[in-house]
PDB file of N, CA and C in Angstrom:
ATOM      1  N   MET A   1     -12.025   1.301  -3.265  1.00  0.00           N
ATOM      2  CA  MET A   1     -12.295   0.222  -4.195  1.00  0.00           C
ATOM      3  C   MET A   1     -10.972  -0.443  -4.539  1.00  0.00           C
ATOM      4  N   ALA A   2     -10.880  -1.714  -4.377  1.00  0.00           N
ATOM      5  CA  ALA A   2      -9.667  -2.481  -4.718  1.00  0.00           C
ATOM      6  C   ALA A   2      -9.588  -2.640  -6.209  1.00  0.00           C
ATOM      7  N   MET A   3      -8.361  -2.599  -6.707  1.00  0.00           N
ATOM      8  CA  MET A   3      -8.144  -2.786  -8.137  1.00  0.00           C
ATOM      9  C   MET A   3      -7.567  -4.171  -8.360  1.00  0.00           C
ATOM     10  N   LYS A   4      -8.394  -5.066  -8.860  1.00  0.00           N
ATOM     11  CA  LYS A   4      -7.961  -6.432  -9.050  1.00  0.00           C
ATOM     12  C   LYS A   4      -7.163  -6.552 -10.334  1.00  0.00           C
ATOM     13  N   GLY A   5      -6.137  -7.397 -10.306  1.00  0.00           N
ATOM     14  CA  GLY A   5      -5.368  -7.657 -11.478  1.00  0.00           C
ATOM     15  C   GLY A   5      -4.213  -6.720 -11.739  1.00  0.00           C
ATOM     16  N   ILE A   6      -3.996  -5.739 -10.885  1.00  0.00           N
ATOM     17  CA  ILE A   6      -2.829  -4.896 -11.068  1.00  0.00           C
ATOM     18  C   ILE A   6      -1.854  -5.145  -9.936  1.00  0.00           C
ATOM     19  N   PRO A   7      -0.567  -4.910 -10.166  1.00  0.00           N
ATOM     20  CA  PRO A   7       0.412  -5.153  -9.098  1.00  0.00           C
ATOM     21  C   PRO A   7       0.140  -4.266  -7.886  1.00  0.00           C
ATOM     22  N   VAL A   8       0.451  -4.802  -6.712  1.00  0.00           N
ATOM     23  CA  VAL A   8       0.181  -4.095  -5.458  1.00  0.00           C
ATOM     24  C   VAL A   8       0.893  -2.745  -5.428  1.00  0.00           C
ATOM     25  N   GLY A   9       2.112  -2.677  -5.918  1.00  0.00           N
ATOM     26  CA  GLY A   9       2.870  -1.417  -5.907  1.00  0.00           C
ATOM     27  C   GLY A   9       2.182  -0.339  -6.718  1.00  0.00           C
ATOM     28  N   LEU A  10       1.680  -0.708  -7.874  1.00  0.00           N
ATOM     29  CA  LEU A  10       0.969   0.264  -8.711  1.00  0.00           C
ATOM     30  C   LEU A  10      -0.327   0.693  -8.045  1.00  0.00           C
ATOM     31  N   GLU A  11      -1.027  -0.256  -7.432  1.00  0.00           N
ATOM     32  CA  GLU A  11      -2.260   0.072  -6.712  1.00  0.00           C
ATOM     33  C   GLU A  11      -1.969   1.087  -5.621  1.00  0.00           C
ATOM     34  N   LEU A  12      -0.873   0.876  -4.859  1.00  0.00           N
ATOM     35  CA  LEU A  12      -0.523   1.797  -3.783  1.00  0.00           C
ATOM     36  C   LEU A  12      -0.158   3.178  -4.337  1.00  0.00           C
ATOM     37  N   ARG A  13       0.623   3.199  -5.413  1.00  0.00           N
ATOM     38  CA  ARG A  13       1.046   4.480  -6.006  1.00  0.00           C
ATOM     39  C   ARG A  13      -0.179   5.265  -6.503  1.00  0.00           C
ATOM     40  N   LEU A  14      -1.064   4.600  -7.211  1.00  0.00           N
ATOM     41  CA  LEU A  14      -2.253   5.281  -7.733  1.00  0.00           C
ATOM     42  C   LEU A  14      -3.132   5.829  -6.606  1.00  0.00           C
ATOM     43  N   ALA A  15      -3.290   5.055  -5.543  1.00  0.00           N
ATOM     44  CA  ALA A  15      -4.077   5.503  -4.404  1.00  0.00           C
ATOM     45  C   ALA A  15      -3.435   6.724  -3.743  1.00  0.00           C
ATOM     46  N   ARG A  16      -2.102   6.701  -3.626  1.00  0.00           N
ATOM     47  CA  ARG A  16      -1.416   7.835  -3.009  1.00  0.00           C
ATOM     48  C   ARG A  16      -1.598   9.091  -3.836  1.00  0.00           C
ATOM     49  N   ILE A  17      -1.445   8.973  -5.147  1.00  0.00           N
ATOM     50  CA  ILE A  17      -1.586  10.112  -6.042  1.00  0.00           C
ATOM     51  C   ILE A  17      -3.028  10.636  -6.014  1.00  0.00           C
ATOM     52  N   ARG A  18      -4.002   9.727  -6.055  1.00  0.00           N
ATOM     53  CA  ARG A  18      -5.416  10.138  -5.994  1.00  0.00           C
ATOM     54  C   ARG A  18      -5.721  10.949  -4.735  1.00  0.00           C
ATOM     55  N   ARG A  19      -5.058  10.594  -3.659  1.00  0.00           N
ATOM     56  CA  ARG A  19      -5.284  11.311  -2.390  1.00  0.00           C
ATOM     57  C   ARG A  19      -4.449  12.578  -2.278  1.00  0.00           C
ATOM     58  N   GLY A  20      -3.606  12.839  -3.264  1.00  0.00           N
ATOM     59  CA  GLY A  20      -2.806  14.058  -3.269  1.00  0.00           C
ATOM     60  C   GLY A  20      -1.669  14.036  -2.265  1.00  0.00           C
ATOM     61  N   LEU A  21      -1.192  12.858  -1.945  1.00  0.00           N
ATOM     62  CA  LEU A  21      -0.118  12.746  -0.940  1.00  0.00           C
ATOM     63  C   LEU A  21       1.234  12.563  -1.606  1.00  0.00           C
ATOM     64  N   HIS A  22       2.244  13.137  -1.008  1.00  0.00           N
ATOM     65  CA  HIS A  22       3.622  12.947  -1.482  1.00  0.00           C
ATOM     66  C   HIS A  22       4.186  11.661  -0.874  1.00  0.00           C
ATOM     67  N   LEU A  23       5.116  11.068  -1.584  1.00  0.00           N
ATOM     68  CA  LEU A  23       5.751   9.825  -1.154  1.00  0.00           C
ATOM     69  C   LEU A  23       6.293   9.955   0.268  1.00  0.00           C
ATOM     70  N   TYR A  24       7.004  11.068   0.527  1.00  0.00           N
ATOM     71  CA  TYR A  24       7.598  11.230   1.846  1.00  0.00           C
ATOM     72  C   TYR A  24       6.551  11.349   2.956  1.00  0.00           C
ATOM     73  N   GLN A  25       5.378  11.896   2.646  1.00  0.00           N
ATOM     74  CA  GLN A  25       4.321  12.023   3.653  1.00  0.00           C
ATOM     75  C   GLN A  25       3.818  10.643   4.088  1.00  0.00           C
ATOM     76  N   VAL A  26       3.581   9.807   3.114  1.00  0.00           N
ATOM     77  CA  VAL A  26       3.071   8.455   3.408  1.00  0.00           C
ATOM     78  C   VAL A  26       4.139   7.629   4.125  1.00  0.00           C
ATOM     79  N   ALA A  27       5.375   7.732   3.637  1.00  0.00           N
ATOM     80  CA  ALA A  27       6.470   6.983   4.257  1.00  0.00           C
ATOM     81  C   ALA A  27       6.612   7.385   5.727  1.00  0.00           C
ATOM     82  N   ARG A  28       6.579   8.663   6.022  1.00  0.00           N
ATOM     83  CA  ARG A  28       6.702   9.136   7.404  1.00  0.00           C
ATOM     84  C   ARG A  28       5.542   8.630   8.254  1.00  0.00           C
ATOM     85  N   GLU A  29       4.357   8.630   7.678  1.00  0.00           N
ATOM     86  CA  GLU A  29       3.166   8.202   8.413  1.00  0.00           C
ATOM     87  C   GLU A  29       3.266   6.751   8.875  1.00  0.00           C
ATOM     88  N   ILE A  30       3.870   5.889   8.063  1.00  0.00           N
ATOM     89  CA  ILE A  30       3.965   4.473   8.447  1.00  0.00           C
ATOM     90  C   ILE A  30       5.339   4.093   9.003  1.00  0.00           C
ATOM     91  N   GLY A  31       6.285   5.035   9.052  1.00  0.00           N
ATOM     92  CA  GLY A  31       7.556   4.784   9.709  1.00  0.00           C
ATOM     93  C   GLY A  31       8.609   4.107   8.858  1.00  0.00           C
ATOM     94  N   ILE A  32       8.585   4.372   7.544  1.00  0.00           N
ATOM     95  CA  ILE A  32       9.655   3.847   6.665  1.00  0.00           C
ATOM     96  C   ILE A  32      10.258   4.999   5.879  1.00  0.00           C
ATOM     97  N   THR A  33      11.352   4.699   5.181  1.00  0.00           N
ATOM     98  CA  THR A  33      11.980   5.754   4.378  1.00  0.00           C
ATOM     99  C   THR A  33      11.228   5.911   3.047  1.00  0.00           C
ATOM    100  N   PRO A  34      11.292   7.109   2.486  1.00  0.00           N
ATOM    101  CA  PRO A  34      10.685   7.290   1.160  1.00  0.00           C
ATOM    102  C   PRO A  34      11.297   6.355   0.101  1.00  0.00           C
ATOM    103  N   ALA A  35      12.581   6.053   0.218  1.00  0.00           N
ATOM    104  CA  ALA A  35      13.234   5.139  -0.711  1.00  0.00           C
ATOM    105  C   ALA A  35      12.596   3.749  -0.646  1.00  0.00           C
ATOM    106  N   ARG A  36      12.311   3.289   0.558  1.00  0.00           N
ATOM    107  CA  ARG A  36      11.700   1.964   0.692  1.00  0.00           C
ATOM    108  C   ARG A  36      10.291   1.955   0.122  1.00  0.00           C
ATOM    109  N   LEU A  37       9.515   3.000   0.369  1.00  0.00           N
ATOM    110  CA  LEU A  37       8.175   3.101  -0.210  1.00  0.00           C
ATOM    111  C   LEU A  37       8.267   3.145  -1.732  1.00  0.00           C
ATOM    112  N   SER A  38       9.212   3.854  -2.254  1.00  0.00           N
ATOM    113  CA  SER A  38       9.417   3.903  -3.704  1.00  0.00           C
ATOM    114  C   SER A  38       9.706   2.532  -4.268  1.00  0.00           C
ATOM    115  N   GLN A  39      10.464   1.710  -3.562  1.00  0.00           N
ATOM    116  CA  GLN A  39      10.748   0.351  -4.006  1.00  0.00           C
ATOM    117  C   GLN A  39       9.462  -0.475  -4.066  1.00  0.00           C
ATOM    118  N   PHE A  40       8.576  -0.290  -3.094  1.00  0.00           N
ATOM    119  CA  PHE A  40       7.302  -0.986  -3.079  1.00  0.00           C
ATOM    120  C   PHE A  40       6.457  -0.534  -4.259  1.00  0.00           C
ATOM    121  N   GLU A  41       6.326   0.768  -4.412  1.00  0.00           N
ATOM    122  CA  GLU A  41       5.490   1.330  -5.460  1.00  0.00           C
ATOM    123  C   GLU A  41       6.005   0.975  -6.862  1.00  0.00           C
ATOM    124  N   GLY A  42       7.312   0.897  -7.011  1.00  0.00           N
ATOM    125  CA  GLY A  42       7.903   0.569  -8.305  1.00  0.00           C
ATOM    126  C   GLY A  42       7.907  -0.910  -8.638  1.00  0.00           C
ATOM    127  N   GLY A  43       7.489  -1.741  -7.674  1.00  0.00           N
ATOM    128  CA  GLY A  43       7.438  -3.181  -7.909  1.00  0.00           C
ATOM    129  C   GLY A  43       8.781  -3.866  -7.748  1.00  0.00           C
ATOM    130  N   HIS A  44       9.766  -3.170  -7.163  1.00  0.00           N
ATOM    131  CA  HIS A  44      11.078  -3.767  -6.966  1.00  0.00           C
ATOM    132  C   HIS A  44      11.117  -4.635  -5.742  1.00  0.00           C
ATOM    133  N   ARG A  45      10.226  -4.381  -4.801  1.00  0.00           N
ATOM    134  CA  ARG A  45      10.087  -5.183  -3.555  1.00  0.00           C
ATOM    135  C   ARG A  45       8.616  -5.267  -3.200  1.00  0.00           C
ATOM    136  N   GLU A  46       8.236  -6.380  -2.628  1.00  0.00           N
ATOM    137  CA  GLU A  46       6.875  -6.550  -2.118  1.00  0.00           C
ATOM    138  C   GLU A  46       6.846  -6.072  -0.664  1.00  0.00           C
ATOM    139  N   PRO A  47       5.859  -5.269  -0.296  1.00  0.00           N
ATOM    140  CA  PRO A  47       5.798  -4.862   1.113  1.00  0.00           C
ATOM    141  C   PRO A  47       5.418  -6.061   1.987  1.00  0.00           C
ATOM    142  N   PRO A  48       6.032  -6.195   3.153  1.00  0.00           N
ATOM    143  CA  PRO A  48       5.607  -7.249   4.075  1.00  0.00           C
ATOM    144  C   PRO A  48       4.134  -7.006   4.460  1.00  0.00           C
ATOM    145  N   PRO A  49       3.418  -8.039   4.830  1.00  0.00           N
ATOM    146  CA  PRO A  49       1.992  -7.912   5.122  1.00  0.00           C
ATOM    147  C   PRO A  49       1.662  -6.789   6.137  1.00  0.00           C
ATOM    148  N   ASP A  50       2.459  -6.644   7.183  1.00  0.00           N
ATOM    149  CA  ASP A  50       2.145  -5.615   8.185  1.00  0.00           C
ATOM    150  C   ASP A  50       2.257  -4.204   7.586  1.00  0.00           C
ATOM    151  N   LEU A  51       3.298  -3.971   6.755  1.00  0.00           N
ATOM    152  CA  LEU A  51       3.449  -2.669   6.141  1.00  0.00           C
ATOM    153  C   LEU A  51       2.400  -2.438   5.051  1.00  0.00           C
ATOM    154  N   GLU A  52       2.044  -3.466   4.329  1.00  0.00           N
ATOM    155  CA  GLU A  52       1.004  -3.322   3.335  1.00  0.00           C
ATOM    156  C   GLU A  52      -0.318  -2.936   3.994  1.00  0.00           C
ATOM    157  N   ASP A  53      -0.619  -3.550   5.132  1.00  0.00           N
ATOM    158  CA  ASP A  53      -1.842  -3.197   5.853  1.00  0.00           C
ATOM    159  C   ASP A  53      -1.826  -1.732   6.303  1.00  0.00           C
ATOM    160  N   LYS A  54      -0.671  -1.280   6.800  1.00  0.00           N
ATOM    161  CA  LYS A  54      -0.546   0.129   7.222  1.00  0.00           C
ATOM    162  C   LYS A  54      -0.724   1.057   6.026  1.00  0.00           C
ATOM    163  N   LEU A  55      -0.078   0.709   4.926  1.00  0.00           N
ATOM    164  CA  LEU A  55      -0.212   1.542   3.719  1.00  0.00           C
ATOM    165  C   LEU A  55      -1.649   1.612   3.258  1.00  0.00           C
ATOM    166  N   ARG A  56      -2.320   0.453   3.224  1.00  0.00           N
ATOM    167  CA  ARG A  56      -3.706   0.424   2.797  1.00  0.00           C
ATOM    168  C   ARG A  56      -4.577   1.283   3.708  1.00  0.00           C
ATOM    169  N   ALA A  57      -4.322   1.240   4.997  1.00  0.00           N
ATOM    170  CA  ALA A  57      -5.114   2.053   5.935  1.00  0.00           C
ATOM    171  C   ALA A  57      -4.878   3.546   5.675  1.00  0.00           C
ATOM    172  N   VAL A  58      -3.645   3.954   5.498  1.00  0.00           N
ATOM    173  CA  VAL A  58      -3.311   5.361   5.272  1.00  0.00           C
ATOM    174  C   VAL A  58      -3.917   5.844   3.942  1.00  0.00           C
ATOM    175  N   LEU A  59      -3.922   4.967   2.953  1.00  0.00           N
ATOM    176  CA  LEU A  59      -4.365   5.353   1.608  1.00  0.00           C
ATOM    177  C   LEU A  59      -5.844   5.094   1.368  1.00  0.00           C
ATOM    178  N   GLY A  60      -6.555   4.589   2.382  1.00  0.00           N
ATOM    179  CA  GLY A  60      -7.971   4.381   2.248  1.00  0.00           C
ATOM    180  C   GLY A  60      -8.341   3.194   1.362  1.00  0.00           C
ATOM    181  N   LEU A  61      -7.465   2.220   1.268  1.00  0.00           N
ATOM    182  CA  LEU A  61      -7.709   1.023   0.479  1.00  0.00           C
ATOM    183  C   LEU A  61      -8.171  -0.105   1.408  1.00  0.00           C
ATOM    184  N   PRO A  62      -8.984  -1.017   0.885  1.00  0.00           N
ATOM    185  CA  PRO A  62      -9.405  -2.153   1.706  1.00  0.00           C
ATOM    186  C   PRO A  62      -8.240  -3.073   2.043  1.00  0.00           C
ATOM    187  N   ARG A  63      -8.323  -3.680   3.184  1.00  0.00           N
ATOM    188  CA  ARG A  63      -7.291  -4.620   3.624  1.00  0.00           C
ATOM    189  C   ARG A  63      -7.369  -5.873   2.754  1.00  0.00           C
ATOM    190  N   LYS A  64      -6.214  -6.404   2.387  1.00  0.00           N
ATOM    191  CA  LYS A  64      -6.172  -7.639   1.575  1.00  0.00           C
ATOM    192  C   LYS A  64      -6.490  -8.862   2.408  1.00  0.00           C
ATOM    193  N   GLN A  65      -7.261  -9.763   1.840  1.00  0.00           N
ATOM    194  CA  GLN A  65      -7.540 -11.025   2.525  1.00  0.00           C
ATOM    195  C   GLN A  65      -6.340 -11.945   2.324  1.00  0.00           C
ATOM    196  N   ARG A  66      -5.890 -12.563   3.397  1.00  0.00           N
ATOM    197  CA  ARG A  66      -4.774 -13.508   3.341  1.00  0.00           C
ATOM    198  C   ARG A  66      -5.233 -14.849   3.870  1.00  0.00           C
ATOM    199  N   LYS A  67      -4.551 -15.884   3.439  1.00  0.00           N
ATOM    200  CA  LYS A  67      -4.861 -17.233   3.913  1.00  0.00           C
ATOM    201  C   LYS A  67      -4.837 -17.284   5.435  1.00  0.00           C
ATOM    202  N   GLY A  68      -5.839 -17.870   6.015  1.00  0.00           N
ATOM    203  CA  GLY A  68      -5.918 -17.983   7.468  1.00  0.00           C
ATOM    204  C   GLY A  68      -6.330 -16.704   8.152  1.00  0.00           C
ATOM    205  N   ASP A  69      -6.782 -15.734   7.381  1.00  0.00           N
ATOM    206  CA  ASP A  69      -7.147 -14.426   7.874  1.00  0.00           C
ATOM    207  C   ASP A  69      -8.652 -14.297   7.837  1.00  0.00           C
ATOM    208  N   GLY A  70      -9.278 -13.943   8.915  1.00  0.00           N
ATOM    209  CA  GLY A  70     -10.721 -13.835   8.946  1.00  0.00           C
ATOM    210  C   GLY A  70     -11.263 -12.552   8.331  1.00  0.00           C
ATOM    211  N   HIS A  71     -10.397 -11.653   7.843  1.00  0.00           N
ATOM    212  CA  HIS A  71     -10.856 -10.397   7.272  1.00  0.00           C
ATOM    213  C   HIS A  71     -11.054 -10.540   5.769  1.00  0.00           C
ATOM    214  N   ALA A  72     -12.172 -10.074   5.296  1.00  0.00           N
ATOM    215  CA  ALA A  72     -12.463 -10.144   3.847  1.00  0.00           C
ATOM    216  C   ALA A  72     -12.077  -8.850   3.183  1.00  0.00           C
ATOM    217  N   GLU A  73     -11.702  -8.970   1.912  1.00  0.00           N
ATOM    218  CA  GLU A  73     -11.413  -7.783   1.104  1.00  0.00           C
ATOM    219  C   GLU A  73     -12.737  -7.211   0.663  1.00  0.00           C
ATOM    220  N   ALA A  74     -12.857  -5.898   0.806  1.00  0.00           N
ATOM    221  CA  ALA A  74     -14.127  -5.234   0.431  1.00  0.00           C
ATOM    222  C   ALA A  74     -14.185  -5.033  -1.070  1.00  0.00           C
TER     223      ALA A  74
END
């Protein structure tokens, strides 16, 4: 279930914690450093669309709909 109205970083962090995953586990799964993932989760940086899609897939979150994108957010 997508959480509307909250920052993407917080949404990612909450989903990771709900799934019982450590930061380093998720970072390794998508091929980035834990420090970079921490920056995304803390709201210091926005994840690029490709990494956000990977994170959402790993964390079981629906894919975000983007302009010109035929995929709808669930």
